Amino acid sequence: MRSCRHRGDGGSLTVELVVLTPVLLIIALATLVFGRVSEARQQVVEAARAGAEAAAVLPTAGTAQWVGAINAVIDLIGRTHTCAHVAITTDTSDFVAGGLVTVHVSCTVLLSDLAFPGVPGSTVVRSSATAPLDPYRAVG
């Protein structure tokens, strides 16, 4: 009768752990990077829309520029962990009855704290929103 040796599975769990740990770590860090950029993009889109809507109901181009920017900044307050530097401009070049007002928002998203190889230290997310002015109102 021949004796059969059975190979043990004693070291296979260690090998699987050594192989899978870096892969799972890379997936987790990539999820953090994409999640942070996605959240910033959503916030910038919302801020641009809110700023354009607020600027469109104001009576003069000067107040529309100021209030559009202020409203966009207020929309981003409380979310500053995502946007490190915010730049907002309001285009009132077509601020006439029936015209348009556009708010441009850009946000610098810091990624340097994640220390993920191949990922830049920061990225910029931009958005703009345009709102129509009422064609039957008086514009000052």
Protein backbone atom coordinates (compact mmCIF):
# COMPACT_ATOMS: atom_id res chain seq x y z
CA MET A 1 0.00 0.00 0.00
CA ARG A 2 1.28 3.37 -0.96
CA SER A 3 1.23 6.18 1.44
CA CYS A 4 -0.18 9.45 0.11
CA ARG A 5 0.99 12.75 1.40
CA HIS A 6 -1.49 15.55 1.63
CA ARG A 7 -0.26 19.03 1.18
CA GLY A 8 -1.29 21.39 3.91
CA ASP A 9 -3.00 24.71 3.34
CA GLY A 10 -1.17 26.26 6.27
CA GLY A 11 0.71 28.99 4.34
CA SER A 12 -1.88 29.80 1.70
CA LEU A 13 -3.77 32.29 3.86
CA THR A 14 -0.59 34.24 4.47
CA VAL A 15 0.23 34.32 0.76
CA GLU A 16 -3.30 35.48 -0.10
CA LEU A 17 -3.10 38.19 2.52
CA VAL A 18 0.27 39.41 1.25
CA VAL A 19 -1.01 39.52 -2.33
CA LEU A 20 -4.42 41.05 -1.65
CA THR A 21 -3.49 43.71 0.93
CA PRO A 22 -1.79 46.10 -1.55
CA VAL A 23 -4.61 45.63 -4.06
CA LEU A 24 -7.27 46.42 -1.46
CA LEU A 25 -5.26 49.42 -0.24
CA ILE A 26 -4.98 50.80 -3.78
CA ILE A 27 -8.72 50.34 -4.34
CA ALA A 28 -9.52 52.11 -1.05
CA LEU A 29 -7.23 55.08 -1.80
CA ALA A 30 -8.54 55.38 -5.37
CA THR A 31 -12.07 55.44 -3.97
CA LEU A 32 -11.09 58.28 -1.63
CA VAL A 33 -9.52 60.30 -4.46
CA PHE A 34 -12.45 59.87 -6.83
CA GLY A 35 -14.95 60.48 -4.04
CA ARG A 36 -13.30 63.72 -2.98
CA VAL A 37 -13.11 65.04 -6.55
CA SER A 38 -16.69 63.98 -7.26
CA GLU A 39 -17.95 65.70 -4.11
CA ALA A 40 -16.08 68.89 -5.02
CA ARG A 41 -17.50 68.80 -8.55
CA GLN A 42 -21.04 68.51 -7.19
CA GLN A 43 -20.49 71.38 -4.76
CA VAL A 44 -19.04 73.62 -7.47
CA VAL A 45 -21.96 72.93 -9.80
CA GLU A 46 -24.44 73.72 -7.02
CA ALA A 47 -22.59 76.90 -6.05
CA ALA A 48 -22.47 78.16 -9.64
CA ARG A 49 -26.18 77.49 -10.11
CA ALA A 50 -27.12 79.19 -6.83
CA GLY A 51 -24.94 82.20 -7.65
CA ALA A 52 -26.41 82.60 -11.14
CA GLU A 53 -29.99 82.30 -9.88
CA ALA A 54 -29.35 84.87 -7.15
CA ALA A 55 -27.66 87.29 -9.55
CA ALA A 56 -30.45 87.00 -12.14
CA VAL A 57 -33.09 88.54 -9.87
CA LEU A 58 -31.10 91.64 -8.89
CA PRO A 59 -31.79 95.07 -10.38
CA THR A 60 -28.27 96.18 -11.42
CA ALA A 61 -25.18 94.55 -12.89
CA GLY A 62 -23.03 95.78 -9.99
CA THR A 63 -25.16 94.15 -7.34
CA ALA A 64 -25.52 91.04 -9.51
CA GLN A 65 -21.73 90.63 -9.64
CA TRP A 66 -21.37 91.07 -5.91
CA VAL A 67 -24.37 89.03 -4.77
CA GLY A 68 -23.76 86.25 -7.30
CA ALA A 69 -20.28 85.73 -5.93
CA ILE A 70 -21.39 86.03 -2.30
CA ASN A 71 -24.22 83.54 -2.77
CA ALA A 72 -21.87 81.04 -4.41
CA VAL A 73 -19.42 81.38 -1.51
CA ILE A 74 -22.22 80.94 1.04
CA ASP A 75 -23.29 77.78 -0.79
CA LEU A 76 -19.78 76.38 -0.29
CA ILE A 77 -19.51 77.31 3.41
CA GLY A 78 -19.37 74.23 5.58
CA ARG A 79 -17.85 72.25 2.77
CA THR A 80 -14.38 73.77 2.91
CA HIS A 81 -12.76 70.43 3.66
CA THR A 82 -13.19 69.65 -0.02
CA CYS A 83 -12.49 73.02 -1.64
CA ALA A 84 -9.28 74.60 -0.40
CA HIS A 85 -9.27 77.64 -2.68
CA VAL A 86 -12.40 78.97 -4.37
CA ALA A 87 -12.45 81.52 -7.20
CA ILE A 88 -15.76 83.00 -8.33
CA THR A 89 -16.47 85.41 -11.18
CA THR A 90 -19.82 86.75 -12.34
CA ASP A 91 -20.22 87.70 -16.01
CA THR A 92 -22.80 90.48 -16.35
CA SER A 93 -21.81 91.59 -19.87
CA ASP A 94 -25.32 90.69 -21.14
CA PHE A 95 -27.19 92.13 -18.14
CA VAL A 96 -30.16 93.57 -20.03
CA ALA A 97 -33.84 92.64 -20.02
CA GLY A 98 -34.01 89.19 -21.59
CA GLY A 99 -30.23 88.76 -21.28
CA LEU A 100 -28.14 86.34 -19.29
CA VAL A 101 -25.92 86.31 -16.23
CA THR A 102 -23.23 83.65 -15.81
CA VAL A 103 -21.34 82.65 -12.68
CA HIS A 104 -18.04 80.78 -12.98
CA VAL A 105 -16.75 78.86 -9.95
CA SER A 106 -13.45 77.04 -9.64
CA CYS A 107 -12.25 75.04 -6.66
CA THR A 108 -8.84 73.59 -5.83
CA VAL A 109 -9.21 70.13 -4.33
CA LEU A 110 -6.28 69.07 -2.17
CA LEU A 111 -5.23 65.44 -2.59
CA SER A 112 -1.76 65.64 -1.06
CA ASP A 113 -2.94 64.28 2.30
CA LEU A 114 -3.83 60.95 0.70
CA ALA A 115 -0.20 60.27 -0.36
CA PHE A 116 -1.23 58.04 -3.23
CA PRO A 117 1.49 57.45 -5.86
CA GLY A 118 0.59 58.86 -9.25
CA VAL A 119 -2.05 61.24 -7.89
CA PRO A 120 -1.26 64.97 -8.12
CA GLY A 121 -1.15 67.04 -4.93
CA SER A 122 -4.24 68.96 -6.04
CA THR A 123 -6.66 69.32 -8.89
CA VAL A 124 -8.96 72.12 -10.00
CA VAL A 125 -12.67 71.58 -10.56
CA ARG A 126 -14.57 74.21 -12.56
CA SER A 127 -18.19 74.85 -13.39
CA SER A 128 -20.34 77.65 -14.69
CA ALA A 129 -24.06 78.28 -14.67
CA THR A 130 -26.13 80.71 -16.67
CA ALA A 131 -29.49 82.14 -15.65
CA PRO A 132 -31.81 84.19 -17.84
CA LEU A 133 -32.97 87.66 -16.88
CA ASP A 134 -36.66 88.44 -17.00
CA PRO A 135 -37.40 90.02 -20.41
CA TYR A 136 -40.24 92.18 -18.98
CA ARG A 137 -38.40 93.85 -16.13
CA ALA A 138 -36.53 97.11 -15.93
CA VAL A 139 -32.79 96.69 -15.55
CA GLY A 140 -30.89 99.55 -13.89
